Amino acid sequence: MFRSLGALVGDLLVVILFVAIGFVQHGTPLTTENIFLVGWPFAVGTLLGHLAIRAWRAPFRIWPHGVFVWAITVVTAMAIRTLFGAGTEVSFLITTALVTGVLMLGWRAVASYLTRGERRAGAPGTATGGTPDTATTSDAPATESSVDAAPADSEHASDADQGSSTEASSRPASS
């Protein structure tokens, strides 16, 4: 639960940072009111993205969770800005997509890198431990099941089951 909340907070901080960088670049006063007025469409998009992709299932995963949250954030924010006449010039759209993409996917890449040891060690939320709903979304490799396990000499065992005529015809004669 804390990771999914952390992912939402991380994405919302990206939105605030993006808006703040824009204000600084354009010489607009950096006030709470300005950040709210410009940032709320992006915050709505981020919340919608988290709900639509159910990001709490794998909050740090870049694909597909991070990519879809980012795309839904940008599309929703631009739709809201268009509805309210706030401006969606092509240059703004490109800048928004690039900056939020780098920031939203970048922090997930760093988080995944920093928590890779937990996934390998079988910490909660991985395939070797944790709750069932998070076990299937882990980056950890799946363990070999008894159904998939075959005897070490399975090739020879299947030849013996098929009879000696198959064995003689499929193997070259030795001299």
N, C-alpha and C. Protein backbone atom coordinates (compact mmCIF):
# COMPACT_ATOMS: atom_id res chain seq x y z
N MET A 1 0.82 -1.19 0.00
CA MET A 1 0.00 0.00 0.00
C MET A 1 0.86 1.25 0.00
N PHE A 2 1.95 1.23 0.75
CA PHE A 2 2.79 2.42 0.82
C PHE A 2 3.47 2.71 -0.51
N ARG A 3 3.81 1.64 -1.24
CA ARG A 3 4.44 1.86 -2.55
C ARG A 3 3.46 2.49 -3.53
N SER A 4 2.21 2.03 -3.53
CA SER A 4 1.25 2.61 -4.47
C SER A 4 0.95 4.05 -4.11
N LEU A 5 0.86 4.35 -2.84
CA LEU A 5 0.67 5.73 -2.42
C LEU A 5 1.91 6.55 -2.78
N GLY A 6 3.07 5.95 -2.60
CA GLY A 6 4.32 6.62 -2.96
C GLY A 6 4.40 6.90 -4.45
N ALA A 7 3.90 5.97 -5.28
CA ALA A 7 3.91 6.18 -6.73
C ALA A 7 2.98 7.34 -7.10
N LEU A 8 1.82 7.40 -6.48
CA LEU A 8 0.90 8.50 -6.75
C LEU A 8 1.51 9.83 -6.31
N VAL A 9 2.09 9.85 -5.13
CA VAL A 9 2.74 11.07 -4.65
C VAL A 9 3.90 11.45 -5.56
N GLY A 10 4.68 10.46 -5.99
CA GLY A 10 5.80 10.73 -6.90
C GLY A 10 5.33 11.36 -8.19
N ASP A 11 4.25 10.84 -8.76
CA ASP A 11 3.72 11.41 -10.00
C ASP A 11 3.15 12.80 -9.79
N LEU A 12 2.49 13.02 -8.67
CA LEU A 12 1.97 14.36 -8.38
C LEU A 12 3.12 15.35 -8.15
N LEU A 13 4.19 14.90 -7.53
CA LEU A 13 5.36 15.78 -7.38
C LEU A 13 5.98 16.11 -8.73
N VAL A 14 5.95 15.16 -9.66
CA VAL A 14 6.43 15.43 -11.02
C VAL A 14 5.60 16.53 -11.66
N VAL A 15 4.27 16.46 -11.47
CA VAL A 15 3.39 17.49 -12.01
C VAL A 15 3.72 18.85 -11.42
N ILE A 16 3.90 18.92 -10.12
CA ILE A 16 4.24 20.18 -9.46
C ILE A 16 5.59 20.70 -9.96
N LEU A 17 6.56 19.80 -10.07
CA LEU A 17 7.87 20.20 -10.56
C LEU A 17 7.78 20.71 -12.00
N PHE A 18 7.03 20.02 -12.85
CA PHE A 18 6.86 20.44 -14.24
C PHE A 18 6.26 21.85 -14.30
N VAL A 19 5.21 22.08 -13.53
CA VAL A 19 4.54 23.39 -13.52
C VAL A 19 5.50 24.46 -12.99
N ALA A 20 6.22 24.14 -11.92
CA ALA A 20 7.16 25.10 -11.34
C ALA A 20 8.28 25.45 -12.31
N ILE A 21 8.81 24.46 -13.01
CA ILE A 21 9.85 24.72 -14.01
C ILE A 21 9.30 25.63 -15.10
N GLY A 22 8.07 25.39 -15.52
CA GLY A 22 7.45 26.24 -16.54
C GLY A 22 7.32 27.67 -16.08
N PHE A 23 6.91 27.86 -14.83
CA PHE A 23 6.78 29.22 -14.31
C PHE A 23 8.13 29.93 -14.26
N VAL A 24 9.14 29.23 -13.78
CA VAL A 24 10.46 29.83 -13.69
C VAL A 24 10.98 30.19 -15.09
N GLN A 25 10.79 29.31 -16.06
CA GLN A 25 11.25 29.55 -17.43
C GLN A 25 10.54 30.75 -18.08
N HIS A 26 9.28 30.95 -17.73
CA HIS A 26 8.51 32.03 -18.34
C HIS A 26 8.44 33.28 -17.48
N GLY A 27 9.11 33.28 -16.34
CA GLY A 27 9.13 34.47 -15.48
C GLY A 27 7.83 34.74 -14.76
N THR A 28 7.01 33.73 -14.58
CA THR A 28 5.74 33.87 -13.87
C THR A 28 6.00 33.65 -12.38
N PRO A 29 5.34 34.46 -11.52
CA PRO A 29 5.54 34.28 -10.08
C PRO A 29 5.16 32.86 -9.63
N LEU A 30 6.00 32.28 -8.83
CA LEU A 30 5.81 30.91 -8.35
C LEU A 30 5.01 30.96 -7.04
N THR A 31 3.68 31.00 -7.19
CA THR A 31 2.81 31.03 -6.02
C THR A 31 1.98 29.75 -5.97
N THR A 32 1.45 29.46 -4.81
CA THR A 32 0.60 28.28 -4.64
C THR A 32 -0.63 28.38 -5.54
N GLU A 33 -1.19 29.57 -5.63
CA GLU A 33 -2.37 29.77 -6.47
C GLU A 33 -2.06 29.48 -7.94
N ASN A 34 -0.94 29.99 -8.43
CA ASN A 34 -0.55 29.75 -9.82
C ASN A 34 -0.29 28.28 -10.08
N ILE A 35 0.40 27.63 -9.15
CA ILE A 35 0.68 26.19 -9.31
C ILE A 35 -0.62 25.41 -9.37
N PHE A 36 -1.58 25.75 -8.51
CA PHE A 36 -2.86 25.05 -8.51
C PHE A 36 -3.62 25.31 -9.81
N LEU A 37 -3.68 26.57 -10.23
CA LEU A 37 -4.46 26.92 -11.43
C LEU A 37 -3.93 26.24 -12.69
N VAL A 38 -2.63 26.12 -12.80
CA VAL A 38 -2.05 25.49 -13.99
C VAL A 38 -1.92 23.98 -13.80
N GLY A 39 -1.68 23.53 -12.59
CA GLY A 39 -1.38 22.12 -12.35
C GLY A 39 -2.57 21.21 -12.17
N TRP A 40 -3.76 21.75 -11.87
CA TRP A 40 -4.88 20.85 -11.56
C TRP A 40 -5.27 19.95 -12.73
N PRO A 41 -5.22 20.38 -14.00
CA PRO A 41 -5.55 19.42 -15.06
C PRO A 41 -4.57 18.24 -15.12
N PHE A 42 -3.31 18.51 -14.81
CA PHE A 42 -2.31 17.44 -14.80
C PHE A 42 -2.51 16.52 -13.61
N ALA A 43 -2.90 17.08 -12.47
CA ALA A 43 -3.18 16.26 -11.29
C ALA A 43 -4.39 15.36 -11.53
N VAL A 44 -5.43 15.90 -12.17
CA VAL A 44 -6.60 15.10 -12.50
C VAL A 44 -6.20 13.97 -13.46
N GLY A 45 -5.38 14.30 -14.44
CA GLY A 45 -4.91 13.29 -15.38
C GLY A 45 -4.10 12.20 -14.70
N THR A 46 -3.27 12.60 -13.75
CA THR A 46 -2.47 11.62 -13.01
C THR A 46 -3.36 10.70 -12.18
N LEU A 47 -4.32 11.25 -11.49
CA LEU A 47 -5.25 10.43 -10.71
C LEU A 47 -6.04 9.50 -11.61
N LEU A 48 -6.52 10.02 -12.73
CA LEU A 48 -7.26 9.19 -13.68
C LEU A 48 -6.38 8.07 -14.24
N GLY A 49 -5.13 8.40 -14.53
CA GLY A 49 -4.19 7.40 -15.03
C GLY A 49 -3.94 6.28 -14.02
N HIS A 50 -3.76 6.66 -12.77
CA HIS A 50 -3.54 5.64 -11.73
C HIS A 50 -4.75 4.75 -11.57
N LEU A 51 -5.94 5.33 -11.64
CA LEU A 51 -7.16 4.52 -11.51
C LEU A 51 -7.39 3.65 -12.74
N ALA A 52 -7.18 4.21 -13.91
CA ALA A 52 -7.46 3.47 -15.15
C ALA A 52 -6.55 2.26 -15.32
N ILE A 53 -5.28 2.39 -14.99
CA ILE A 53 -4.32 1.30 -15.20
C ILE A 53 -4.18 0.46 -13.93
N ARG A 54 -4.86 0.86 -12.86
CA ARG A 54 -4.73 0.20 -11.55
C ARG A 54 -3.26 0.12 -11.15
N ALA A 55 -2.65 1.27 -11.09
CA ALA A 55 -1.22 1.39 -10.88
C ALA A 55 -0.77 0.83 -9.53
N TRP A 56 -1.67 0.64 -8.60
CA TRP A 56 -1.27 0.11 -7.30
C TRP A 56 -0.81 -1.34 -7.40
N ARG A 57 -1.10 -2.02 -8.49
CA ARG A 57 -0.68 -3.42 -8.65
C ARG A 57 0.81 -3.55 -8.86
N ALA A 58 1.42 -2.61 -9.53
CA ALA A 58 2.87 -2.61 -9.75
C ALA A 58 3.31 -1.15 -9.88
N PRO A 59 3.36 -0.44 -8.77
CA PRO A 59 3.53 1.02 -8.82
C PRO A 59 4.84 1.51 -9.42
N PHE A 60 5.92 0.74 -9.33
CA PHE A 60 7.20 1.22 -9.85
C PHE A 60 7.50 0.70 -11.26
N ARG A 61 6.66 -0.15 -11.78
CA ARG A 61 6.91 -0.73 -13.09
C ARG A 61 6.77 0.34 -14.18
N ILE A 62 7.77 0.38 -15.06
CA ILE A 62 7.75 1.37 -16.13
C ILE A 62 6.75 0.98 -17.20
N TRP A 63 6.80 -0.28 -17.63
CA TRP A 63 5.87 -0.76 -18.65
C TRP A 63 4.97 -1.81 -18.06
N PRO A 64 3.71 -1.75 -18.21
CA PRO A 64 2.93 -0.74 -18.89
C PRO A 64 2.45 0.38 -17.98
N HIS A 65 2.57 0.17 -16.66
CA HIS A 65 1.97 1.10 -15.71
C HIS A 65 2.47 2.54 -15.86
N GLY A 66 3.76 2.72 -15.81
CA GLY A 66 4.30 4.08 -15.89
C GLY A 66 3.98 4.76 -17.21
N VAL A 67 4.11 4.03 -18.30
CA VAL A 67 3.85 4.61 -19.62
C VAL A 67 2.38 5.01 -19.75
N PHE A 68 1.49 4.16 -19.30
CA PHE A 68 0.07 4.49 -19.42
C PHE A 68 -0.34 5.62 -18.49
N VAL A 69 0.17 5.64 -17.28
CA VAL A 69 -0.13 6.76 -16.37
C VAL A 69 0.35 8.06 -17.00
N TRP A 70 1.55 8.06 -17.56
CA TRP A 70 2.10 9.25 -18.21
C TRP A 70 1.22 9.66 -19.39
N ALA A 71 0.88 8.73 -20.27
CA ALA A 71 0.09 9.06 -21.45
C ALA A 71 -1.30 9.57 -21.07
N ILE A 72 -1.94 8.94 -20.11
CA ILE A 72 -3.27 9.37 -19.68
C ILE A 72 -3.18 10.74 -19.02
N THR A 73 -2.11 10.99 -18.27
CA THR A 73 -1.91 12.30 -17.67
C THR A 73 -1.84 13.39 -18.73
N VAL A 74 -1.02 13.19 -19.74
CA VAL A 74 -0.83 14.20 -20.78
C VAL A 74 -2.12 14.41 -21.57
N VAL A 75 -2.76 13.32 -22.00
CA VAL A 75 -3.98 13.44 -22.81
C VAL A 75 -5.10 14.12 -22.01
N THR A 76 -5.29 13.71 -20.77
CA THR A 76 -6.33 14.31 -19.93
C THR A 76 -6.06 15.78 -19.69
N ALA A 77 -4.83 16.11 -19.35
CA ALA A 77 -4.48 17.52 -19.08
C ALA A 77 -4.71 18.38 -20.32
N MET A 78 -4.32 17.89 -21.47
CA MET A 78 -4.52 18.66 -22.70
C MET A 78 -6.00 18.79 -23.04
N ALA A 79 -6.78 17.75 -22.79
CA ALA A 79 -8.23 17.83 -23.03
C ALA A 79 -8.88 18.86 -22.11
N ILE A 80 -8.52 18.83 -20.84
CA ILE A 80 -9.07 19.79 -19.88
C ILE A 80 -8.63 21.21 -20.25
N ARG A 81 -7.37 21.37 -20.58
CA ARG A 81 -6.88 22.71 -20.97
C ARG A 81 -7.60 23.21 -22.22
N THR A 82 -7.89 22.33 -23.16
CA THR A 82 -8.62 22.72 -24.36
C THR A 82 -10.06 23.14 -24.01
N LEU A 83 -10.71 22.37 -23.15
CA LEU A 83 -12.08 22.69 -22.74
C LEU A 83 -12.18 24.05 -22.05
N PHE A 84 -11.15 24.40 -21.30
CA PHE A 84 -11.15 25.66 -20.57
C PHE A 84 -10.40 26.78 -21.29
N GLY A 85 -9.97 26.53 -22.53
CA GLY A 85 -9.30 27.55 -23.33
C GLY A 85 -7.96 28.00 -22.76
N ALA A 86 -7.24 27.08 -22.14
CA ALA A 86 -5.98 27.43 -21.48
C ALA A 86 -4.77 27.32 -22.39
N GLY A 87 -4.95 26.92 -23.60
CA GLY A 87 -3.83 26.88 -24.53
C GLY A 87 -3.19 25.51 -24.62
N THR A 88 -3.15 24.99 -25.83
CA THR A 88 -2.53 23.68 -26.07
C THR A 88 -1.75 23.74 -27.39
N GLU A 89 -0.90 24.73 -27.51
CA GLU A 89 -0.09 24.84 -28.72
C GLU A 89 0.76 23.58 -28.88
N VAL A 90 1.13 23.31 -30.12
CA VAL A 90 1.91 22.11 -30.41
C VAL A 90 3.22 22.11 -29.63
N SER A 91 3.88 23.25 -29.54
CA SER A 91 5.15 23.30 -28.81
C SER A 91 4.95 22.98 -27.33
N PHE A 92 3.83 23.45 -26.76
CA PHE A 92 3.53 23.14 -25.37
C PHE A 92 3.22 21.66 -25.20
N LEU A 93 2.49 21.09 -26.14
CA LEU A 93 2.17 19.67 -26.09
C LEU A 93 3.43 18.82 -26.15
N ILE A 94 4.33 19.15 -27.05
CA ILE A 94 5.59 18.40 -27.19
C ILE A 94 6.43 18.53 -25.93
N THR A 95 6.56 19.77 -25.43
CA THR A 95 7.35 20.01 -24.22
C THR A 95 6.75 19.25 -23.03
N THR A 96 5.44 19.32 -22.90
CA THR A 96 4.75 18.63 -21.81
C THR A 96 4.99 17.13 -21.88
N ALA A 97 4.82 16.56 -23.06
CA ALA A 97 5.00 15.12 -23.22
C ALA A 97 6.43 14.70 -22.90
N LEU A 98 7.39 15.43 -23.41
CA LEU A 98 8.79 15.06 -23.18
C LEU A 98 9.20 15.22 -21.71
N VAL A 99 8.90 16.37 -21.13
CA VAL A 99 9.35 16.62 -19.76
C VAL A 99 8.64 15.70 -18.77
N THR A 100 7.32 15.60 -18.87
CA THR A 100 6.62 14.71 -17.93
C THR A 100 6.99 13.25 -18.17
N GLY A 101 7.23 12.88 -19.42
CA GLY A 101 7.65 11.50 -19.71
C GLY A 101 8.98 11.17 -19.07
N VAL A 102 9.95 12.06 -19.25
CA VAL A 102 11.28 11.83 -18.65
C VAL A 102 11.18 11.78 -17.13
N LEU A 103 10.42 12.69 -16.55
CA LEU A 103 10.33 12.73 -15.09
C LEU A 103 9.51 11.56 -14.52
N MET A 104 8.35 11.27 -15.11
CA MET A 104 7.51 10.19 -14.58
C MET A 104 8.15 8.82 -14.77
N LEU A 105 8.74 8.59 -15.92
CA LEU A 105 9.37 7.29 -16.15
C LEU A 105 10.74 7.24 -15.50
N GLY A 106 11.40 8.38 -15.40
CA GLY A 106 12.73 8.44 -14.79
C GLY A 106 12.72 8.08 -13.32
N TRP A 107 11.78 8.64 -12.56
CA TRP A 107 11.77 8.32 -11.13
C TRP A 107 11.40 6.85 -10.93
N ARG A 108 10.56 6.29 -11.81
CA ARG A 108 10.24 4.86 -11.69
C ARG A 108 11.46 4.00 -11.98
N ALA A 109 12.27 4.41 -12.95
CA ALA A 109 13.49 3.65 -13.26
C ALA A 109 14.43 3.68 -12.06
N VAL A 110 14.58 4.83 -11.44
CA VAL A 110 15.44 4.94 -10.25
C VAL A 110 14.86 4.09 -9.11
N ALA A 111 13.56 4.16 -8.89
CA ALA A 111 12.93 3.37 -7.82
C ALA A 111 13.08 1.88 -8.08
N SER A 112 12.91 1.45 -9.31
CA SER A 112 13.08 0.03 -9.65
C SER A 112 14.52 -0.41 -9.41
N TYR A 113 15.46 0.44 -9.78
CA TYR A 113 16.86 0.11 -9.58
C TYR A 113 17.19 0.01 -8.08
N LEU A 114 16.69 0.94 -7.31
CA LEU A 114 17.00 0.96 -5.88
C LEU A 114 16.32 -0.17 -5.11
N THR A 115 15.22 -0.70 -5.63
CA THR A 115 14.50 -1.77 -4.93
C THR A 115 14.72 -3.14 -5.57
N ARG A 116 15.66 -3.25 -6.48
CA ARG A 116 15.90 -4.54 -7.15
C ARG A 116 16.33 -5.62 -6.18
N GLY A 117 17.07 -5.28 -5.14
CA GLY A 117 17.50 -6.26 -4.15
C GLY A 117 16.33 -6.85 -3.39
N GLU A 118 15.32 -6.04 -3.12
CA GLU A 118 14.14 -6.53 -2.42
C GLU A 118 13.40 -7.57 -3.25
N ARG A 119 13.32 -7.34 -4.55
CA ARG A 119 12.63 -8.30 -5.43
C ARG A 119 13.39 -9.61 -5.49
N ARG A 120 14.71 -9.53 -5.53
CA ARG A 120 15.52 -10.75 -5.60
C ARG A 120 15.49 -11.54 -4.30
N ALA A 121 15.40 -10.84 -3.18
CA ALA A 121 15.45 -11.49 -1.87
C ALA A 121 14.11 -12.09 -1.45
N GLY A 122 13.06 -11.87 -2.25
CA GLY A 122 11.76 -12.44 -1.90
C GLY A 122 11.02 -11.61 -0.89
N ALA A 123 11.19 -10.31 -0.94
CA ALA A 123 10.49 -9.41 -0.03
C ALA A 123 9.00 -9.39 -0.38
N PRO A 124 8.17 -8.87 0.51
CA PRO A 124 6.75 -8.79 0.21
C PRO A 124 6.52 -8.06 -1.11
N GLY A 125 5.57 -8.62 -1.89
CA GLY A 125 5.27 -8.03 -3.18
C GLY A 125 6.01 -8.68 -4.32
N THR A 126 6.69 -9.81 -4.07
CA THR A 126 7.39 -10.49 -5.15
C THR A 126 6.81 -11.88 -5.34
N ALA A 127 7.31 -12.59 -6.31
CA ALA A 127 6.78 -13.91 -6.63
C ALA A 127 7.06 -14.94 -5.53
N THR A 128 8.03 -14.68 -4.69
CA THR A 128 8.36 -15.66 -3.66
C THR A 128 7.79 -15.31 -2.30
N GLY A 129 7.05 -14.26 -2.20
CA GLY A 129 6.46 -13.89 -0.93
C GLY A 129 5.46 -12.78 -1.14
N GLY A 130 4.79 -12.38 -0.08
CA GLY A 130 3.86 -11.28 -0.18
C GLY A 130 2.45 -11.74 -0.46
N THR A 131 1.62 -10.80 -0.83
CA THR A 131 0.22 -11.10 -1.05
C THR A 131 -0.01 -11.60 -2.45
N PRO A 132 -1.06 -12.39 -2.67
CA PRO A 132 -1.30 -12.96 -3.99
C PRO A 132 -1.52 -11.92 -5.08
N ASP A 133 -2.12 -10.76 -4.75
CA ASP A 133 -2.40 -9.78 -5.79
C ASP A 133 -1.14 -9.10 -6.31
N THR A 134 -0.09 -9.06 -5.55
CA THR A 134 1.15 -8.45 -6.02
C THR A 134 2.14 -9.48 -6.53
N ALA A 135 1.89 -10.74 -6.25
CA ALA A 135 2.86 -11.76 -6.63
C ALA A 135 2.97 -11.92 -8.14
N THR A 136 1.90 -11.68 -8.87
CA THR A 136 1.93 -11.88 -10.32
C THR A 136 2.51 -10.70 -11.07
N THR A 137 2.71 -9.58 -10.43
CA THR A 137 3.20 -8.40 -11.13
C THR A 137 4.66 -8.12 -10.84
N SER A 138 5.35 -9.04 -10.25
CA SER A 138 6.74 -8.83 -9.86
C SER A 138 7.67 -8.95 -11.05
N ASP A 139 8.82 -8.30 -10.92
CA ASP A 139 9.87 -8.43 -11.92
C ASP A 139 10.74 -9.66 -11.67
N ALA A 140 10.54 -10.31 -10.52
CA ALA A 140 11.37 -11.46 -10.16
C ALA A 140 11.01 -12.64 -11.06
N PRO A 141 11.99 -13.47 -11.40
CA PRO A 141 11.69 -14.63 -12.24
C PRO A 141 10.83 -15.63 -11.49
N ALA A 142 9.96 -16.29 -12.21
CA ALA A 142 9.09 -17.29 -11.60
C ALA A 142 9.90 -18.52 -11.23
N THR A 143 9.50 -19.17 -10.16
CA THR A 143 10.19 -20.38 -9.75
C THR A 143 9.69 -21.55 -10.57
N GLU A 144 10.51 -22.55 -10.73
CA GLU A 144 10.16 -23.71 -11.53
C GLU A 144 9.14 -24.53 -10.76
N SER A 145 8.03 -24.85 -11.42
CA SER A 145 7.00 -25.64 -10.75
C SER A 145 7.25 -27.13 -11.00
N SER A 146 6.59 -27.94 -10.20
CA SER A 146 6.79 -29.38 -10.33
C SER A 146 6.20 -29.90 -11.63
N VAL A 147 5.21 -29.20 -12.22
CA VAL A 147 4.63 -29.63 -13.48
C VAL A 147 5.62 -29.44 -14.61
N ASP A 148 6.36 -28.32 -14.58
CA ASP A 148 7.32 -28.03 -15.63
C ASP A 148 8.61 -28.83 -15.49
N ALA A 149 8.87 -29.31 -14.30
CA ALA A 149 10.13 -30.01 -14.07
C ALA A 149 10.08 -31.37 -14.75
N ALA A 150 11.12 -31.67 -15.50
CA ALA A 150 11.20 -32.96 -16.19
C ALA A 150 12.44 -33.68 -15.70
N PRO A 151 12.44 -35.01 -15.79
CA PRO A 151 13.64 -35.74 -15.38
C PRO A 151 14.82 -35.32 -16.24
N ALA A 152 16.00 -35.40 -15.68
CA ALA A 152 17.21 -34.98 -16.39
C ALA A 152 17.43 -35.80 -17.65
N ASP A 153 16.96 -37.02 -17.67
CA ASP A 153 17.19 -37.91 -18.80
C ASP A 153 15.89 -38.08 -19.59
N SER A 154 15.10 -36.99 -19.76
CA SER A 154 13.78 -37.10 -20.37
C SER A 154 13.85 -37.49 -21.83
N GLU A 155 14.88 -37.09 -22.56
CA GLU A 155 14.99 -37.43 -23.97
C GLU A 155 15.12 -38.94 -24.14
N HIS A 156 15.96 -39.54 -23.31
CA HIS A 156 16.15 -40.99 -23.41
C HIS A 156 14.94 -41.75 -22.90
N ALA A 157 14.25 -41.19 -21.93
CA ALA A 157 13.06 -41.85 -21.41
C ALA A 157 11.97 -41.89 -22.47
N SER A 158 11.80 -40.82 -23.23
CA SER A 158 10.77 -40.81 -24.27
C SER A 158 11.13 -41.76 -25.41
N ASP A 159 12.42 -41.92 -25.71
CA ASP A 159 12.85 -42.88 -26.73
C ASP A 159 12.53 -44.30 -26.30
N ALA A 160 12.73 -44.58 -25.04
CA ALA A 160 12.47 -45.92 -24.53
C ALA A 160 10.98 -46.22 -24.54
N ASP A 161 10.15 -45.19 -24.30
CA ASP A 161 8.71 -45.38 -24.32
C ASP A 161 8.21 -45.67 -25.72
N GLN A 162 8.85 -45.11 -26.74
CA GLN A 162 8.38 -45.28 -28.11
C GLN A 162 8.86 -46.58 -28.73
N GLY A 163 9.78 -47.23 -28.13
CA GLY A 163 10.25 -48.51 -28.65
C GLY A 163 11.61 -48.40 -29.31
N SER A 164 12.20 -49.55 -29.59
CA SER A 164 13.55 -49.58 -30.12
C SER A 164 13.62 -49.22 -31.59
N SER A 165 12.52 -49.34 -32.34
CA SER A 165 12.56 -49.01 -33.77
C SER A 165 12.77 -47.51 -33.97
N THR A 166 12.16 -46.68 -33.15
CA THR A 166 12.37 -45.24 -33.24
C THR A 166 13.78 -44.90 -32.83
N GLU A 167 14.26 -45.57 -31.80
CA GLU A 167 15.59 -45.29 -31.31
C GLU A 167 16.64 -45.62 -32.37
N ALA A 168 16.46 -46.72 -33.07
CA ALA A 168 17.43 -47.14 -34.09
C ALA A 168 17.37 -46.23 -35.29
N SER A 169 16.19 -45.74 -35.67
CA SER A 169 16.09 -44.92 -36.88
C SER A 169 16.49 -43.47 -36.62
N SER A 170 16.40 -42.98 -35.38
CA SER A 170 16.72 -41.58 -35.13
C SER A 170 18.17 -41.35 -34.72
N ARG A 171 18.88 -42.37 -34.42
CA ARG A 171 20.29 -42.21 -33.98
C ARG A 171 21.21 -42.76 -35.05
N PRO A 172 22.30 -42.08 -35.32
CA PRO A 172 23.26 -42.60 -36.30
C PRO A 172 23.97 -43.85 -35.77
N ALA A 173 24.30 -44.72 -36.68
CA ALA A 173 24.98 -45.95 -36.29
C ALA A 173 26.41 -45.62 -35.89
N SER A 174 26.85 -46.24 -34.81
CA SER A 174 28.23 -46.00 -34.38
C SER A 174 29.10 -47.16 -34.80
N SER A 175 30.32 -46.87 -35.14
CA SER A 175 31.21 -47.93 -35.59
C SER A 175 32.24 -48.29 -34.59
